[in-house]
Amino acid sequence: MKELVQNPVRKRMKALISKKQEQIKASKLASKATPVKSGENVIYITDALKKSLEKEAP
């Protein structure tokens, strides 16, 4: 059914919703494409402290 009167608010809301849906799809695709490598950049503070104290000990 064609509307006789255009509703600019409804038109903008539809545009915002479709844009948000595209962003969500792109985000999901990006997260699937780049696997998360766990443990590579983890620094254990206690281990680092022990190593630095060992270096300072005479």
C-alpha atoms as a PDB file:
ATOM      1  CA  MET A   1       0.000   0.000   0.000  1.00  0.00           C
ATOM      2  CA  LYS A   2       1.468   3.297  -1.044  1.00  0.00           C
ATOM      3  CA  GLU A   3       1.342   6.123   1.438  1.00  0.00           C
ATOM      4  CA  LEU A   4      -0.224   9.346   0.250  1.00  0.00           C
ATOM      5  CA  VAL A   5       1.677  11.420   2.792  1.00  0.00           C
ATOM      6  CA  GLN A   6       5.367  10.810   3.375  1.00  0.00           C
ATOM      7  CA  ASN A   7       6.529  10.483   6.927  1.00  0.00           C
ATOM      8  CA  PRO A   8      10.106  11.850   7.203  1.00  0.00           C
ATOM      9  CA  VAL A   9      10.604  10.537  10.733  1.00  0.00           C
ATOM     10  CA  ARG A  10       9.666   7.018   9.710  1.00  0.00           C
ATOM     11  CA  LYS A  11      11.957   7.247   6.685  1.00  0.00           C
ATOM     12  CA  ARG A  12      14.918   8.330   8.851  1.00  0.00           C
ATOM     13  CA  MET A  13      14.204   5.632  11.427  1.00  0.00           C
ATOM     14  CA  LYS A  14      14.182   2.948   8.725  1.00  0.00           C
ATOM     15  CA  ALA A  15      17.492   4.286   7.397  1.00  0.00           C
ATOM     16  CA  LEU A  16      19.047   4.254  10.881  1.00  0.00           C
ATOM     17  CA  ILE A  17      17.827   0.734  11.562  1.00  0.00           C
ATOM     18  CA  SER A  18      19.172  -0.631   8.280  1.00  0.00           C
ATOM     19  CA  LYS A  19      22.525   1.125   8.847  1.00  0.00           C
ATOM     20  CA  LYS A  20      22.779  -0.385  12.332  1.00  0.00           C
ATOM     21  CA  GLN A  21      21.945  -3.843  10.983  1.00  0.00           C
ATOM     22  CA  GLU A  22      24.715  -3.517   8.389  1.00  0.00           C
ATOM     23  CA  GLN A  23      27.182  -2.477  11.100  1.00  0.00           C
ATOM     24  CA  ILE A  24      26.222  -5.501  13.198  1.00  0.00           C
ATOM     25  CA  LYS A  25      26.677  -7.838  10.225  1.00  0.00           C
ATOM     26  CA  ALA A  26      30.070  -6.301   9.429  1.00  0.00           C
ATOM     27  CA  SER A  27      31.127  -6.604  13.055  1.00  0.00           C
ATOM     28  CA  LYS A  28      30.134 -10.269  13.195  1.00  0.00           C
ATOM     29  CA  LEU A  29      31.991 -11.004   9.965  1.00  0.00           C
ATOM     30  CA  ALA A  30      35.098  -9.218  11.220  1.00  0.00           C
ATOM     31  CA  SER A  31      35.070 -11.111  14.504  1.00  0.00           C
ATOM     32  CA  LYS A  32      34.782 -14.423  12.649  1.00  0.00           C
ATOM     33  CA  ALA A  33      37.570 -13.497  10.243  1.00  0.00           C
ATOM     34  CA  THR A  34      40.168 -12.615  12.891  1.00  0.00           C
ATOM     35  CA  PRO A  35      40.733 -15.383  15.415  1.00  0.00           C
ATOM     36  CA  VAL A  36      41.703 -14.289  18.899  1.00  0.00           C
ATOM     37  CA  LYS A  37      45.089 -15.540  19.973  1.00  0.00           C
ATOM     38  CA  SER A  38      45.000 -15.936  23.700  1.00  0.00           C
ATOM     39  CA  GLY A  39      48.089 -15.832  25.830  1.00  0.00           C
ATOM     40  CA  GLU A  40      50.493 -14.198  23.393  1.00  0.00           C
ATOM     41  CA  ASN A  41      50.614 -10.749  24.965  1.00  0.00           C
ATOM     42  CA  VAL A  42      50.016 -11.744  28.568  1.00  0.00           C
ATOM     43  CA  ILE A  43      52.559 -10.445  31.055  1.00  0.00           C
ATOM     44  CA  TYR A  44      52.479 -11.900  34.511  1.00  0.00           C
ATOM     45  CA  ILE A  45      53.356  -9.128  36.926  1.00  0.00           C
ATOM     46  CA  THR A  46      54.723 -11.423  39.626  1.00  0.00           C
ATOM     47  CA  ASP A  47      57.060 -13.173  37.195  1.00  0.00           C
ATOM     48  CA  ALA A  48      58.303  -9.867  35.840  1.00  0.00           C
ATOM     49  CA  LEU A  49      58.886  -8.569  39.369  1.00  0.00           C
ATOM     50  CA  LYS A  50      60.828 -11.697  40.345  1.00  0.00           C
ATOM     51  CA  LYS A  51      63.032 -11.386  37.261  1.00  0.00           C
ATOM     52  CA  SER A  52      63.755  -7.725  37.921  1.00  0.00           C
ATOM     53  CA  LEU A  53      64.595  -8.452  41.568  1.00  0.00           C
ATOM     54  CA  GLU A  54      66.935 -11.268  40.514  1.00  0.00           C
ATOM     55  CA  LYS A  55      68.769  -8.851  38.217  1.00  0.00           C
ATOM     56  CA  GLU A  56      69.203  -6.302  41.014  1.00  0.00           C
ATOM     57  CA  ALA A  57      70.448  -8.842  43.568  1.00  0.00           C
ATOM     58  CA  PRO A  58      74.271  -8.805  43.936  1.00  0.00           C
END
